[in-house]
């Protein structure tokens, strides 16, 4: 997945797998992109290229009742 804002490249070719049932922390210094990553995972932002999958759904393309119900869980 690649994501940029204007001319600033935020993520380039990242790949993240979070094991089901495991607690995972996203840590780093201020301004490194933690909140941006979470917004991408949550579907609030869409990547420039690549895909984001969560529990079998493609997040940026995920619209409709199944995604709404998943967000409420």
N, C-alpha and C. Protein backbone atom coordinates (compact mmCIF):
# COMPACT_ATOMS: atom_id res chain seq x y z
N UNK A 1 0.86 -1.15 0.00
CA UNK A 1 0.00 0.00 0.00
C UNK A 1 0.91 1.22 0.00
N UNK A 2 0.52 2.21 -0.78
CA UNK A 2 1.24 3.47 -0.84
C UNK A 2 0.26 4.60 -0.59
N UNK A 3 0.71 5.60 0.19
CA UNK A 3 -0.14 6.74 0.51
C UNK A 3 0.72 7.99 0.59
N UNK A 4 0.21 9.07 -0.01
CA UNK A 4 0.92 10.35 0.06
C UNK A 4 -0.08 11.47 0.27
N UNK A 5 0.44 12.58 0.73
CA UNK A 5 -0.36 13.80 0.87
C UNK A 5 0.40 14.89 0.12
N UNK A 6 -0.17 15.32 -0.98
CA UNK A 6 0.55 16.28 -1.82
C UNK A 6 1.82 15.64 -2.36
N UNK A 7 2.94 16.33 -2.18
CA UNK A 7 4.24 15.82 -2.62
C UNK A 7 4.90 14.95 -1.56
N UNK A 8 4.31 14.85 -0.39
CA UNK A 8 4.93 14.12 0.73
C UNK A 8 4.48 12.66 0.72
N UNK A 9 5.43 11.76 0.54
CA UNK A 9 5.16 10.33 0.57
C UNK A 9 5.12 9.87 2.03
N UNK A 10 3.99 9.37 2.48
CA UNK A 10 3.82 8.96 3.87
C UNK A 10 4.16 7.48 4.03
N UNK A 11 3.59 6.62 3.19
CA UNK A 11 3.87 5.18 3.22
C UNK A 11 4.19 4.72 1.80
N UNK A 12 5.22 3.91 1.68
CA UNK A 12 5.59 3.36 0.37
C UNK A 12 5.77 1.86 0.48
N UNK A 13 4.93 1.14 -0.25
CA UNK A 13 5.02 -0.32 -0.32
C UNK A 13 5.03 -0.99 1.06
N UNK A 14 4.12 -0.58 1.95
CA UNK A 14 4.07 -1.25 3.26
C UNK A 14 3.13 -2.44 3.20
N UNK A 15 3.42 -3.39 4.04
CA UNK A 15 2.61 -4.60 4.16
C UNK A 15 2.54 -4.93 5.65
N UNK A 16 1.35 -5.01 6.19
CA UNK A 16 1.15 -5.27 7.62
C UNK A 16 0.13 -6.38 7.78
N UNK A 17 0.49 -7.38 8.55
CA UNK A 17 -0.43 -8.46 8.89
C UNK A 17 -0.57 -8.50 10.40
N UNK A 18 -1.79 -8.42 10.89
CA UNK A 18 -2.06 -8.48 12.32
C UNK A 18 -2.74 -9.81 12.60
N UNK A 19 -2.13 -10.66 13.41
CA UNK A 19 -2.73 -11.96 13.70
C UNK A 19 -4.06 -11.82 14.44
N UNK A 20 -5.04 -12.61 14.04
CA UNK A 20 -6.35 -12.61 14.70
C UNK A 20 -6.17 -13.02 16.17
N UNK A 21 -6.83 -12.28 17.05
CA UNK A 21 -6.82 -12.61 18.47
C UNK A 21 -5.60 -12.12 19.22
N UNK A 22 -4.73 -11.38 18.55
CA UNK A 22 -3.52 -10.86 19.20
C UNK A 22 -3.65 -9.36 19.40
N UNK A 23 -3.09 -8.87 20.49
CA UNK A 23 -3.03 -7.44 20.74
C UNK A 23 -1.82 -6.91 19.97
N UNK A 24 -2.03 -5.87 19.19
CA UNK A 24 -0.96 -5.28 18.39
C UNK A 24 -0.90 -3.79 18.68
N UNK A 25 0.29 -3.28 18.96
CA UNK A 25 0.49 -1.86 19.23
C UNK A 25 1.16 -1.20 18.03
N UNK A 26 0.71 -0.02 17.70
CA UNK A 26 1.36 0.80 16.67
C UNK A 26 2.04 1.93 17.41
N UNK A 27 3.36 1.90 17.40
CA UNK A 27 4.15 2.84 18.20
C UNK A 27 5.15 3.58 17.32
N UNK A 28 5.51 4.78 17.74
CA UNK A 28 6.52 5.55 17.04
C UNK A 28 6.47 6.99 17.48
N UNK A 29 7.45 7.76 17.05
CA UNK A 29 7.50 9.17 17.44
C UNK A 29 6.37 9.98 16.81
N UNK A 30 6.16 11.15 17.35
CA UNK A 30 5.13 12.06 16.84
C UNK A 30 5.40 12.38 15.37
N UNK A 31 4.35 12.34 14.56
CA UNK A 31 4.47 12.71 13.16
C UNK A 31 4.91 11.59 12.23
N UNK A 32 5.05 10.38 12.73
CA UNK A 32 5.55 9.27 11.92
C UNK A 32 4.47 8.63 11.05
N UNK A 33 3.17 8.86 11.37
CA UNK A 33 2.09 8.34 10.55
C UNK A 33 1.19 7.33 11.23
N UNK A 34 1.23 7.25 12.55
CA UNK A 34 0.40 6.27 13.27
C UNK A 34 -1.09 6.54 13.04
N UNK A 35 -1.50 7.76 13.22
CA UNK A 35 -2.91 8.11 13.04
C UNK A 35 -3.33 7.95 11.59
N UNK A 36 -2.47 8.32 10.67
CA UNK A 36 -2.77 8.14 9.25
C UNK A 36 -2.97 6.67 8.93
N UNK A 37 -2.12 5.81 9.47
CA UNK A 37 -2.25 4.37 9.25
C UNK A 37 -3.60 3.87 9.78
N UNK A 38 -3.97 4.30 10.97
CA UNK A 38 -5.25 3.87 11.54
C UNK A 38 -6.43 4.40 10.73
N UNK A 39 -6.31 5.60 10.19
CA UNK A 39 -7.38 6.14 9.33
C UNK A 39 -7.48 5.37 8.02
N UNK A 40 -6.35 4.92 7.50
CA UNK A 40 -6.37 4.07 6.31
C UNK A 40 -7.03 2.74 6.61
N UNK A 41 -6.66 2.13 7.73
CA UNK A 41 -7.25 0.84 8.12
C UNK A 41 -8.75 1.00 8.37
N UNK A 42 -9.14 2.11 8.98
CA UNK A 42 -10.54 2.36 9.29
C UNK A 42 -11.38 2.83 8.12
N UNK A 43 -10.76 3.05 6.96
CA UNK A 43 -11.51 3.46 5.78
C UNK A 43 -11.79 4.95 5.69
N UNK A 44 -11.24 5.75 6.60
CA UNK A 44 -11.43 7.19 6.54
C UNK A 44 -10.58 7.83 5.45
N UNK A 45 -9.49 7.16 5.08
CA UNK A 45 -8.62 7.58 3.99
C UNK A 45 -8.47 6.41 3.04
N UNK A 46 -8.19 6.70 1.77
CA UNK A 46 -7.96 5.65 0.78
C UNK A 46 -6.50 5.72 0.32
N UNK A 47 -5.86 4.58 0.12
CA UNK A 47 -4.47 4.59 -0.34
C UNK A 47 -4.37 5.06 -1.79
N UNK A 48 -3.19 5.57 -2.16
CA UNK A 48 -2.93 5.95 -3.55
C UNK A 48 -2.84 4.70 -4.42
N UNK A 49 -2.26 3.65 -3.87
CA UNK A 49 -2.17 2.38 -4.59
C UNK A 49 -2.18 1.25 -3.57
N UNK A 50 -2.53 0.07 -4.03
CA UNK A 50 -2.59 -1.08 -3.14
C UNK A 50 -3.96 -1.23 -2.52
N UNK A 51 -4.05 -2.17 -1.61
CA UNK A 51 -5.33 -2.49 -0.97
C UNK A 51 -5.14 -2.66 0.52
N UNK A 52 -6.22 -2.44 1.25
CA UNK A 52 -6.24 -2.67 2.69
C UNK A 52 -7.39 -3.63 2.96
N UNK A 53 -7.06 -4.78 3.53
CA UNK A 53 -8.05 -5.82 3.82
C UNK A 53 -8.17 -5.98 5.33
N UNK A 54 -9.41 -6.09 5.79
CA UNK A 54 -9.68 -6.35 7.20
C UNK A 54 -10.78 -7.39 7.28
N UNK A 55 -10.47 -8.51 7.86
CA UNK A 55 -11.45 -9.58 8.07
C UNK A 55 -12.20 -9.95 6.79
N UNK A 56 -11.46 -10.01 5.68
CA UNK A 56 -12.04 -10.43 4.42
C UNK A 56 -12.65 -9.34 3.57
N UNK A 57 -12.66 -8.10 4.04
CA UNK A 57 -13.23 -7.00 3.27
C UNK A 57 -12.13 -6.04 2.83
N UNK A 58 -12.24 -5.55 1.59
CA UNK A 58 -11.34 -4.53 1.08
C UNK A 58 -11.84 -3.20 1.63
N UNK A 59 -11.13 -2.63 2.57
CA UNK A 59 -11.61 -1.48 3.34
C UNK A 59 -11.94 -0.24 2.49
N UNK A 60 -11.04 0.29 1.67
CA UNK A 60 -11.41 1.51 0.93
C UNK A 60 -12.60 1.32 0.00
N UNK A 61 -12.85 0.11 -0.44
CA UNK A 61 -13.99 -0.15 -1.31
C UNK A 61 -15.18 -0.69 -0.52
N UNK A 62 -15.03 -0.81 0.76
CA UNK A 62 -16.05 -1.40 1.62
C UNK A 62 -17.11 -0.35 1.95
N UNK A 63 -18.25 -0.52 1.38
CA UNK A 63 -19.37 0.37 1.66
C UNK A 63 -20.60 -0.51 1.79
N UNK A 64 -21.53 -0.10 2.56
CA UNK A 64 -22.77 -0.87 2.66
C UNK A 64 -22.96 -1.46 4.04
N UNK A 65 -23.98 -2.26 4.16
CA UNK A 65 -24.44 -2.76 5.45
C UNK A 65 -23.43 -3.69 6.12
N UNK A 66 -22.72 -4.54 5.37
CA UNK A 66 -21.78 -5.46 6.02
C UNK A 66 -20.65 -4.70 6.68
N UNK A 67 -20.21 -3.62 6.07
CA UNK A 67 -19.12 -2.82 6.65
C UNK A 67 -19.63 -1.99 7.82
N UNK A 68 -20.84 -1.49 7.69
CA UNK A 68 -21.42 -0.72 8.78
C UNK A 68 -21.60 -1.60 10.01
N UNK A 69 -22.07 -2.81 9.83
CA UNK A 69 -22.26 -3.72 10.96
C UNK A 69 -20.92 -4.10 11.57
N UNK A 70 -19.88 -4.29 10.76
CA UNK A 70 -18.56 -4.63 11.28
C UNK A 70 -18.02 -3.48 12.13
N UNK A 71 -18.26 -2.23 11.71
CA UNK A 71 -17.78 -1.07 12.45
C UNK A 71 -18.44 -0.97 13.82
N UNK A 72 -19.63 -1.52 13.96
CA UNK A 72 -20.35 -1.44 15.23
C UNK A 72 -19.95 -2.52 16.21
N UNK A 73 -19.21 -3.53 15.74
CA UNK A 73 -18.82 -4.63 16.63
C UNK A 73 -17.82 -4.21 17.66
